[in-house]
Amino acid sequence: MKLPIYQVDAFSSQVFAGNPAAVCPLEAWLPDATLQAIAAENNLSETAFLVRVGADWAIRWFTPGTEVDLCGHATLASAFVVMRFLDPAVSEVRFGSKSGELRVTRDRRAPRRFQGVVDQE
């Protein structure tokens, strides 16, 4: 199985700084045991998995040992991957998660910077 995996240092513009997270875009959800095994292999604090749902994305986060309900830095890392590599034309990314809708917008004053807004119902 070949999957794209990005390692992003959130909260930093420098390599080897900030808060690292793995981001793995998928075409469809894999079994939970497979997602967990990938996160364990990455051995980072979080691995975010994304699946496109229309114009939005579904997101799930795994530590090397368990799935978690929310992870801020992995969400920002995921938005970076979407806006930089997967869909560069968008200025906002919406994620559906167990914690509700999460939105990340591009800072118009500094296009390489992102800011996140969490909306929960």
C-alpha atoms as a PDB file:
ATOM      1  CA  MET A   1       0.000   0.000   0.000  1.00  0.00           C
ATOM      2  CA  LYS A   2       1.372   3.419  -0.964  1.00  0.00           C
ATOM      3  CA  LEU A   3      -0.013   6.492   0.806  1.00  0.00           C
ATOM      4  CA  PRO A   4       1.095  10.123   0.747  1.00  0.00           C
ATOM      5  CA  ILE A   5       2.333  11.306   4.136  1.00  0.00           C
ATOM      6  CA  TYR A   6       3.461  14.848   4.884  1.00  0.00           C
ATOM      7  CA  GLN A   7       5.377  15.814   8.020  1.00  0.00           C
ATOM      8  CA  VAL A   8       4.645  19.434   8.935  1.00  0.00           C
ATOM      9  CA  ASP A   9       6.167  21.562  11.696  1.00  0.00           C
ATOM     10  CA  ALA A  10       3.159  23.574  12.918  1.00  0.00           C
ATOM     11  CA  PHE A  11       3.632  26.972  14.583  1.00  0.00           C
ATOM     12  CA  SER A  12       6.956  27.541  12.815  1.00  0.00           C
ATOM     13  CA  SER A  13       8.339  28.699   9.490  1.00  0.00           C
ATOM     14  CA  GLN A  14      11.589  26.812  10.090  1.00  0.00           C
ATOM     15  CA  VAL A  15      12.423  23.152   9.604  1.00  0.00           C
ATOM     16  CA  PHE A  16      12.940  21.165  12.827  1.00  0.00           C
ATOM     17  CA  ALA A  17      11.089  23.750  14.898  1.00  0.00           C
ATOM     18  CA  GLY A  18       7.505  24.069  16.043  1.00  0.00           C
ATOM     19  CA  ASN A  19       5.204  21.147  16.722  1.00  0.00           C
ATOM     20  CA  PRO A  20       5.530  18.256  14.227  1.00  0.00           C
ATOM     21  CA  ALA A  21       2.537  16.324  12.945  1.00  0.00           C
ATOM     22  CA  ALA A  22       2.065  13.798  10.163  1.00  0.00           C
ATOM     23  CA  VAL A  23      -0.747  14.426   7.668  1.00  0.00           C
ATOM     24  CA  CYS A  24      -2.052  11.549   5.558  1.00  0.00           C
ATOM     25  CA  PRO A  25      -4.706  12.361   2.919  1.00  0.00           C
ATOM     26  CA  LEU A  26      -6.779   9.321   1.956  1.00  0.00           C
ATOM     27  CA  GLU A  27      -9.273   8.572  -0.814  1.00  0.00           C
ATOM     28  CA  ALA A  28     -11.471   6.674   1.676  1.00  0.00           C
ATOM     29  CA  TRP A  29     -11.207   5.610   5.304  1.00  0.00           C
ATOM     30  CA  LEU A  30      -8.986   2.655   6.030  1.00  0.00           C
ATOM     31  CA  PRO A  31      -9.772   0.263   8.908  1.00  0.00           C
ATOM     32  CA  ASP A  32      -9.113   1.800  12.343  1.00  0.00           C
ATOM     33  CA  ALA A  33      -6.392  -0.783  13.046  1.00  0.00           C
ATOM     34  CA  THR A  34      -4.549   0.317   9.890  1.00  0.00           C
ATOM     35  CA  LEU A  35      -4.814   4.006  10.812  1.00  0.00           C
ATOM     36  CA  GLN A  36      -3.492   3.183  14.276  1.00  0.00           C
ATOM     37  CA  ALA A  37      -0.595   1.156  12.840  1.00  0.00           C
ATOM     38  CA  ILE A  38       0.371   4.037  10.523  1.00  0.00           C
ATOM     39  CA  ALA A  39       0.325   6.480  13.457  1.00  0.00           C
ATOM     40  CA  ALA A  40       2.446   4.119  15.531  1.00  0.00           C
ATOM     41  CA  GLU A  41       4.930   3.786  12.662  1.00  0.00           C
ATOM     42  CA  ASN A  42       5.120   7.591  12.277  1.00  0.00           C
ATOM     43  CA  ASN A  43       5.817   7.853  16.030  1.00  0.00           C
ATOM     44  CA  LEU A  44       4.880  11.546  16.193  1.00  0.00           C
ATOM     45  CA  SER A  45       2.585  13.023  18.823  1.00  0.00           C
ATOM     46  CA  GLU A  46      -0.230  13.043  16.226  1.00  0.00           C
ATOM     47  CA  THR A  47      -0.985  11.767  12.764  1.00  0.00           C
ATOM     48  CA  ALA A  48      -3.977  13.393  11.056  1.00  0.00           C
ATOM     49  CA  PHE A  49      -5.919  11.455   8.429  1.00  0.00           C
ATOM     50  CA  LEU A  50      -8.061  13.354   5.901  1.00  0.00           C
ATOM     51  CA  VAL A  51     -10.795  12.250   3.510  1.00  0.00           C
ATOM     52  CA  ARG A  52     -12.395  14.687   1.084  1.00  0.00           C
ATOM     53  CA  VAL A  53     -16.165  15.091   1.478  1.00  0.00           C
ATOM     54  CA  GLY A  54     -17.415  17.369  -1.298  1.00  0.00           C
ATOM     55  CA  ALA A  55     -15.681  20.734  -0.834  1.00  0.00           C
ATOM     56  CA  ASP A  56     -14.829  19.893   2.795  1.00  0.00           C
ATOM     57  CA  TRP A  57     -12.683  17.313   4.572  1.00  0.00           C
ATOM     58  CA  ALA A  58     -13.287  14.775   7.298  1.00  0.00           C
ATOM     59  CA  ILE A  59     -10.421  14.569   9.788  1.00  0.00           C
ATOM     60  CA  ARG A  60      -9.330  12.087  12.446  1.00  0.00           C
ATOM     61  CA  TRP A  61      -6.268  12.203  14.717  1.00  0.00           C
ATOM     62  CA  PHE A  62      -4.232   9.327  16.116  1.00  0.00           C
ATOM     63  CA  THR A  63      -1.353   9.294  18.597  1.00  0.00           C
ATOM     64  CA  PRO A  64       0.995   6.303  18.418  1.00  0.00           C
ATOM     65  CA  GLY A  65      -1.307   4.589  20.944  1.00  0.00           C
ATOM     66  CA  THR A  66      -4.896   5.768  20.456  1.00  0.00           C
ATOM     67  CA  GLU A  67      -7.365   7.928  18.521  1.00  0.00           C
ATOM     68  CA  VAL A  68      -8.047  11.364  20.040  1.00  0.00           C
ATOM     69  CA  ASP A  69     -11.064  13.646  19.624  1.00  0.00           C
ATOM     70  CA  LEU A  70      -9.171  16.848  18.783  1.00  0.00           C
ATOM     71  CA  CYS A  71      -5.652  18.065  17.996  1.00  0.00           C
ATOM     72  CA  GLY A  72      -5.008  21.721  17.176  1.00  0.00           C
ATOM     73  CA  HIS A  73      -1.516  21.566  15.733  1.00  0.00           C
ATOM     74  CA  ALA A  74      -2.335  18.553  13.525  1.00  0.00           C
ATOM     75  CA  THR A  75      -5.433  20.404  12.268  1.00  0.00           C
ATOM     76  CA  LEU A  76      -3.333  23.423  11.298  1.00  0.00           C
ATOM     77  CA  ALA A  77      -0.763  21.108   9.704  1.00  0.00           C
ATOM     78  CA  SER A  78      -3.580  19.449   7.723  1.00  0.00           C
ATOM     79  CA  ALA A  79      -4.898  22.808   6.524  1.00  0.00           C
ATOM     80  CA  PHE A  80      -1.378  23.712   5.426  1.00  0.00           C
ATOM     81  CA  VAL A  81      -1.162  20.511   3.353  1.00  0.00           C
ATOM     82  CA  VAL A  82      -4.578  21.163   1.762  1.00  0.00           C
ATOM     83  CA  MET A  83      -3.840  24.835   0.978  1.00  0.00           C
ATOM     84  CA  ARG A  84      -0.268  24.272  -0.164  1.00  0.00           C
ATOM     85  CA  PHE A  85      -0.405  20.949  -2.039  1.00  0.00           C
ATOM     86  CA  LEU A  86      -3.910  19.518  -2.482  1.00  0.00           C
ATOM     87  CA  ASP A  87      -6.094  22.568  -3.239  1.00  0.00           C
ATOM     88  CA  PRO A  88      -3.943  25.749  -3.351  1.00  0.00           C
ATOM     89  CA  ALA A  89      -6.794  27.946  -4.624  1.00  0.00           C
ATOM     90  CA  VAL A  90      -8.832  27.724  -1.410  1.00  0.00           C
ATOM     91  CA  SER A  91      -8.567  30.342   1.331  1.00  0.00           C
ATOM     92  CA  GLU A  92     -10.536  28.358   3.927  1.00  0.00           C
ATOM     93  CA  VAL A  93     -10.563  24.679   4.806  1.00  0.00           C
ATOM     94  CA  ARG A  94     -13.475  23.128   6.719  1.00  0.00           C
ATOM     95  CA  PHE A  95     -12.954  19.867   8.582  1.00  0.00           C
ATOM     96  CA  GLY A  96     -15.712  17.662   9.971  1.00  0.00           C
ATOM     97  CA  SER A  97     -14.558  15.942  13.161  1.00  0.00           C
ATOM     98  CA  LYS A  98     -15.789  14.222  16.318  1.00  0.00           C
ATOM     99  CA  SER A  99     -15.388  17.632  18.000  1.00  0.00           C
ATOM    100  CA  GLY A 100     -17.568  19.476  15.479  1.00  0.00           C
ATOM    101  CA  GLU A 101     -16.716  21.657  12.506  1.00  0.00           C
ATOM    102  CA  LEU A 102     -13.215  23.113  12.424  1.00  0.00           C
ATOM    103  CA  ARG A 103     -12.294  25.944  10.059  1.00  0.00           C
ATOM    104  CA  VAL A 104      -8.851  27.198   9.140  1.00  0.00           C
ATOM    105  CA  THR A 105      -8.491  30.364   7.065  1.00  0.00           C
ATOM    106  CA  ARG A 106      -5.521  31.842   5.249  1.00  0.00           C
ATOM    107  CA  ASP A 107      -4.345  35.138   6.751  1.00  0.00           C
ATOM    108  CA  ARG A 108      -4.828  37.576   3.859  1.00  0.00           C
ATOM    109  CA  ARG A 109      -2.130  39.936   5.201  1.00  0.00           C
ATOM    110  CA  ALA A 110       0.455  37.146   5.227  1.00  0.00           C
ATOM    111  CA  PRO A 111      -0.584  34.443   2.710  1.00  0.00           C
ATOM    112  CA  ARG A 112       1.856  31.864   4.110  1.00  0.00           C
ATOM    113  CA  ARG A 113       0.359  32.133   7.606  1.00  0.00           C
ATOM    114  CA  PHE A 114      -2.813  30.431   8.774  1.00  0.00           C
ATOM    115  CA  GLN A 115      -5.212  30.983  11.622  1.00  0.00           C
ATOM    116  CA  GLY A 116      -7.722  28.476  12.919  1.00  0.00           C
ATOM    117  CA  VAL A 117     -11.239  28.901  14.201  1.00  0.00           C
ATOM    118  CA  VAL A 118     -13.026  26.074  15.975  1.00  0.00           C
ATOM    119  CA  ASP A 119     -16.802  25.989  15.637  1.00  0.00           C
ATOM    120  CA  GLN A 120     -18.670  23.452  17.716  1.00  0.00           C
ATOM    121  CA  GLU A 121     -22.383  22.880  17.753  1.00  0.00           C
END
